[in-house]
Amino acid sequence: MSQHSKQEVNWEFLLASSKSTLQAYEQSRLNFAANVRKEIAQLLDTWVDESSSALLARWLIERNLAAEAAAISTNAVSDVTEFKEPRTQPKPAPGAQLRPPCRIAPRAGTETLAESDKIFGNKSLAAERISATS
């Protein structure tokens, strides 16, 4: 991006200028404004691309952490001989305030995914959906 300094307007010159000179000045200012607009559009595109790449990296990091946690919990559960029902949140007492749901990594093989969730082939990448209960 080029450095732009604010150019001082010479009012005396503009007031004494002919119509053709004023038109040329107007055209030069409109050209300059169009060039700045193009630079801004390029910067916004770069910002959006870089932000989306960073968000993708964050999503992959969280997905890997969830997969590691699922692998650890699967290993711990495989040592237990009896089947345990998944824990559910207890129903709140009447008049009690509801707590927001917590984010829990899914256990391997317990969730079937839609085709749209399988963006990298048949590899499961979707995290458990969070929904508020009322």
C-alpha atoms as a PDB file:
ATOM      1  CA  MET A   1       0.000   0.000   0.000  1.00  0.00           C
ATOM      2  CA  SER A   2       1.375   3.383  -0.923  1.00  0.00           C
ATOM      3  CA  GLN A   3       1.621   6.225   1.534  1.00  0.00           C
ATOM      4  CA  HIS A   4      -0.874   9.009   0.918  1.00  0.00           C
ATOM      5  CA  SER A   5      -0.456  12.407   2.473  1.00  0.00           C
ATOM      6  CA  LYS A   6      -3.257  14.874   2.680  1.00  0.00           C
ATOM      7  CA  GLN A   7      -2.685  17.481   0.010  1.00  0.00           C
ATOM      8  CA  GLU A   8      -3.461  21.045   0.972  1.00  0.00           C
ATOM      9  CA  VAL A   9      -6.007  22.707  -1.305  1.00  0.00           C
ATOM     10  CA  ASN A  10      -4.826  25.981  -2.773  1.00  0.00           C
ATOM     11  CA  TRP A  11      -8.099  27.881  -2.624  1.00  0.00           C
ATOM     12  CA  GLU A  12      -6.739  30.999  -4.323  1.00  0.00           C
ATOM     13  CA  PHE A  13      -5.635  28.949  -7.312  1.00  0.00           C
ATOM     14  CA  LEU A  14      -8.978  27.115  -7.536  1.00  0.00           C
ATOM     15  CA  LEU A  15     -11.009  30.312  -7.244  1.00  0.00           C
ATOM     16  CA  ALA A  16      -9.023  31.915 -10.054  1.00  0.00           C
ATOM     17  CA  SER A  17      -8.988  28.812 -12.298  1.00  0.00           C
ATOM     18  CA  SER A  18     -10.845  28.349 -15.552  1.00  0.00           C
ATOM     19  CA  LYS A  19     -13.604  25.795 -16.060  1.00  0.00           C
ATOM     20  CA  SER A  20     -11.283  23.379 -17.905  1.00  0.00           C
ATOM     21  CA  THR A  21      -8.668  23.588 -15.119  1.00  0.00           C
ATOM     22  CA  LEU A  22     -11.322  22.900 -12.478  1.00  0.00           C
ATOM     23  CA  GLN A  23     -12.591  19.940 -14.516  1.00  0.00           C
ATOM     24  CA  ALA A  24      -9.048  18.565 -14.773  1.00  0.00           C
ATOM     25  CA  TYR A  25      -8.566  19.026 -11.014  1.00  0.00           C
ATOM     26  CA  GLU A  26     -11.908  17.306 -10.339  1.00  0.00           C
ATOM     27  CA  GLN A  27     -10.909  14.391 -12.587  1.00  0.00           C
ATOM     28  CA  SER A  28      -7.541  13.999 -10.877  1.00  0.00           C
ATOM     29  CA  ARG A  29      -9.184  13.938  -7.418  1.00  0.00           C
ATOM     30  CA  LEU A  30     -11.775  11.359  -8.579  1.00  0.00           C
ATOM     31  CA  ASN A  31      -8.963   9.199 -10.016  1.00  0.00           C
ATOM     32  CA  PHE A  32      -7.062   9.434  -6.751  1.00  0.00           C
ATOM     33  CA  ALA A  33     -10.192   8.489  -4.772  1.00  0.00           C
ATOM     34  CA  ALA A  34     -10.826   5.501  -7.084  1.00  0.00           C
ATOM     35  CA  ASN A  35      -7.252   4.282  -6.597  1.00  0.00           C
ATOM     36  CA  VAL A  36      -7.556   4.563  -2.812  1.00  0.00           C
ATOM     37  CA  ARG A  37     -10.859   2.654  -2.993  1.00  0.00           C
ATOM     38  CA  LYS A  38      -9.137  -0.170  -4.929  1.00  0.00           C
ATOM     39  CA  GLU A  39      -6.386  -0.344  -2.309  1.00  0.00           C
ATOM     40  CA  ILE A  40      -8.977  -0.517   0.466  1.00  0.00           C
ATOM     41  CA  ALA A  41     -10.808  -3.334  -1.348  1.00  0.00           C
ATOM     42  CA  GLN A  42      -7.524  -5.257  -1.708  1.00  0.00           C
ATOM     43  CA  LEU A  43      -6.738  -4.743   1.975  1.00  0.00           C
ATOM     44  CA  LEU A  44     -10.206  -5.953   2.982  1.00  0.00           C
ATOM     45  CA  ASP A  45      -9.815  -9.056   0.807  1.00  0.00           C
ATOM     46  CA  THR A  46      -6.439  -9.767   2.392  1.00  0.00           C
ATOM     47  CA  TRP A  47      -7.879  -9.240   5.881  1.00  0.00           C
ATOM     48  CA  VAL A  48     -10.803 -11.601   5.210  1.00  0.00           C
ATOM     49  CA  ASP A  49      -8.488 -14.276   3.742  1.00  0.00           C
ATOM     50  CA  GLU A  50      -6.032 -14.098   6.633  1.00  0.00           C
ATOM     51  CA  SER A  51      -8.781 -14.065   9.275  1.00  0.00           C
ATOM     52  CA  SER A  52     -10.500 -17.071   7.729  1.00  0.00           C
ATOM     53  CA  SER A  53      -7.189 -18.956   7.590  1.00  0.00           C
ATOM     54  CA  ALA A  54      -6.599 -18.210  11.271  1.00  0.00           C
ATOM     55  CA  LEU A  55     -10.126 -19.349  12.159  1.00  0.00           C
ATOM     56  CA  LEU A  56      -9.637 -22.567  10.189  1.00  0.00           C
ATOM     57  CA  ALA A  57      -6.409 -23.204  12.090  1.00  0.00           C
ATOM     58  CA  ARG A  58      -8.195 -22.585  15.412  1.00  0.00           C
ATOM     59  CA  TRP A  59     -11.000 -24.992  14.403  1.00  0.00           C
ATOM     60  CA  LEU A  60      -8.442 -27.678  13.488  1.00  0.00           C
ATOM     61  CA  ILE A  61      -6.631 -27.169  16.804  1.00  0.00           C
ATOM     62  CA  GLU A  62      -9.878 -27.576  18.750  1.00  0.00           C
ATOM     63  CA  ARG A  63     -10.865 -30.579  16.630  1.00  0.00           C
ATOM     64  CA  ASN A  64      -7.521 -32.266  17.348  1.00  0.00           C
ATOM     65  CA  LEU A  65      -7.862 -31.540  21.077  1.00  0.00           C
ATOM     66  CA  ALA A  66     -11.375 -32.997  21.036  1.00  0.00           C
ATOM     67  CA  ALA A  67     -10.139 -36.094  19.191  1.00  0.00           C
ATOM     68  CA  GLU A  68      -7.331 -36.553  21.729  1.00  0.00           C
ATOM     69  CA  ALA A  69      -9.786 -36.209  24.606  1.00  0.00           C
ATOM     70  CA  ALA A  70     -12.121 -38.708  22.939  1.00  0.00           C
ATOM     71  CA  ALA A  71      -9.257 -41.172  22.466  1.00  0.00           C
ATOM     72  CA  ILE A  72      -8.261 -40.850  26.116  1.00  0.00           C
ATOM     73  CA  SER A  73     -11.828 -41.296  27.334  1.00  0.00           C
ATOM     74  CA  THR A  74     -12.355 -44.249  24.946  1.00  0.00           C
ATOM     75  CA  ASN A  75      -9.267 -45.947  26.375  1.00  0.00           C
ATOM     76  CA  ALA A  76     -10.508 -45.346  29.918  1.00  0.00           C
ATOM     77  CA  VAL A  77     -14.016 -46.591  29.078  1.00  0.00           C
ATOM     78  CA  SER A  78     -12.692 -49.731  27.356  1.00  0.00           C
ATOM     79  CA  ASP A  79     -11.207 -50.819  30.705  1.00  0.00           C
ATOM     80  CA  VAL A  80     -14.661 -50.787  32.317  1.00  0.00           C
ATOM     81  CA  THR A  81     -16.572 -54.048  31.814  1.00  0.00           C
ATOM     82  CA  GLU A  82     -20.112 -52.758  32.291  1.00  0.00           C
ATOM     83  CA  PHE A  83     -21.923 -50.289  30.087  1.00  0.00           C
ATOM     84  CA  LYS A  84     -22.725 -46.935  31.626  1.00  0.00           C
ATOM     85  CA  GLU A  85     -25.471 -44.628  30.374  1.00  0.00           C
ATOM     86  CA  PRO A  86     -24.258 -41.191  29.257  1.00  0.00           C
ATOM     87  CA  ARG A  87     -24.655 -38.520  31.892  1.00  0.00           C
ATOM     88  CA  THR A  88     -27.470 -36.065  31.438  1.00  0.00           C
ATOM     89  CA  GLN A  89     -27.916 -32.765  33.167  1.00  0.00           C
ATOM     90  CA  PRO A  90     -30.397 -32.955  36.027  1.00  0.00           C
ATOM     91  CA  LYS A  91     -33.621 -31.043  35.581  1.00  0.00           C
ATOM     92  CA  PRO A  92     -33.487 -27.727  37.437  1.00  0.00           C
ATOM     93  CA  ALA A  93     -35.806 -27.038  40.301  1.00  0.00           C
ATOM     94  CA  PRO A  94     -38.802 -24.834  39.484  1.00  0.00           C
ATOM     95  CA  GLY A  95     -37.742 -21.196  39.484  1.00  0.00           C
ATOM     96  CA  ALA A  96     -34.021 -22.057  39.254  1.00  0.00           C
ATOM     97  CA  GLN A  97     -31.914 -20.427  36.587  1.00  0.00           C
ATOM     98  CA  LEU A  98     -30.824 -22.676  33.693  1.00  0.00           C
ATOM     99  CA  ARG A  99     -27.116 -23.159  33.107  1.00  0.00           C
ATOM    100  CA  PRO A 100     -25.867 -22.965  29.528  1.00  0.00           C
ATOM    101  CA  PRO A 101     -24.849 -26.320  28.029  1.00  0.00           C
ATOM    102  CA  CYS A 102     -21.158 -27.164  28.099  1.00  0.00           C
ATOM    103  CA  ARG A 103     -19.149 -28.185  25.067  1.00  0.00           C
ATOM    104  CA  ILE A 104     -18.316 -31.883  25.224  1.00  0.00           C
ATOM    105  CA  ALA A 105     -16.232 -33.705  22.636  1.00  0.00           C
ATOM    106  CA  PRO A 106     -18.100 -36.609  21.012  1.00  0.00           C
ATOM    107  CA  ARG A 107     -16.897 -40.141  21.605  1.00  0.00           C
ATOM    108  CA  ALA A 108     -15.464 -41.890  18.607  1.00  0.00           C
ATOM    109  CA  GLY A 109     -18.054 -43.769  16.573  1.00  0.00           C
ATOM    110  CA  THR A 110     -21.107 -42.633  18.552  1.00  0.00           C
ATOM    111  CA  GLU A 111     -22.385 -40.001  16.157  1.00  0.00           C
ATOM    112  CA  THR A 112     -23.471 -40.384  12.552  1.00  0.00           C
ATOM    113  CA  LEU A 113     -22.696 -37.414  10.387  1.00  0.00           C
ATOM    114  CA  ALA A 114     -24.400 -35.893   7.398  1.00  0.00           C
ATOM    115  CA  GLU A 115     -22.424 -35.916   4.157  1.00  0.00           C
ATOM    116  CA  SER A 116     -21.950 -32.157   4.420  1.00  0.00           C
ATOM    117  CA  ASP A 117     -20.049 -32.652   7.695  1.00  0.00           C
ATOM    118  CA  LYS A 118     -17.533 -34.952   5.994  1.00  0.00           C
ATOM    119  CA  ILE A 119     -15.537 -32.273   4.199  1.00  0.00           C
ATOM    120  CA  PHE A 120     -12.325 -34.309   4.256  1.00  0.00           C
ATOM    121  CA  GLY A 121     -13.756 -37.603   2.982  1.00  0.00           C
ATOM    122  CA  ASN A 122     -15.130 -40.170   5.388  1.00  0.00           C
ATOM    123  CA  LYS A 123     -13.084 -38.834   8.286  1.00  0.00           C
ATOM    124  CA  SER A 124     -15.340 -37.580  11.077  1.00  0.00           C
ATOM    125  CA  LEU A 125     -14.627 -33.899  11.807  1.00  0.00           C
ATOM    126  CA  ALA A 126     -17.845 -32.509  13.234  1.00  0.00           C
ATOM    127  CA  ALA A 127     -18.022 -31.645  16.893  1.00  0.00           C
ATOM    128  CA  GLU A 128     -21.119 -32.332  18.926  1.00  0.00           C
ATOM    129  CA  ARG A 129     -23.813 -29.778  18.222  1.00  0.00           C
ATOM    130  CA  ILE A 130     -24.599 -27.388  21.062  1.00  0.00           C
ATOM    131  CA  SER A 131     -28.248 -26.680  21.656  1.00  0.00           C
ATOM    132  CA  ALA A 132     -30.000 -24.774  24.384  1.00  0.00           C
ATOM    133  CA  THR A 133     -32.786 -26.577  26.168  1.00  0.00           C
ATOM    134  CA  SER A 134     -35.705 -24.749  27.626  1.00  0.00           C
END
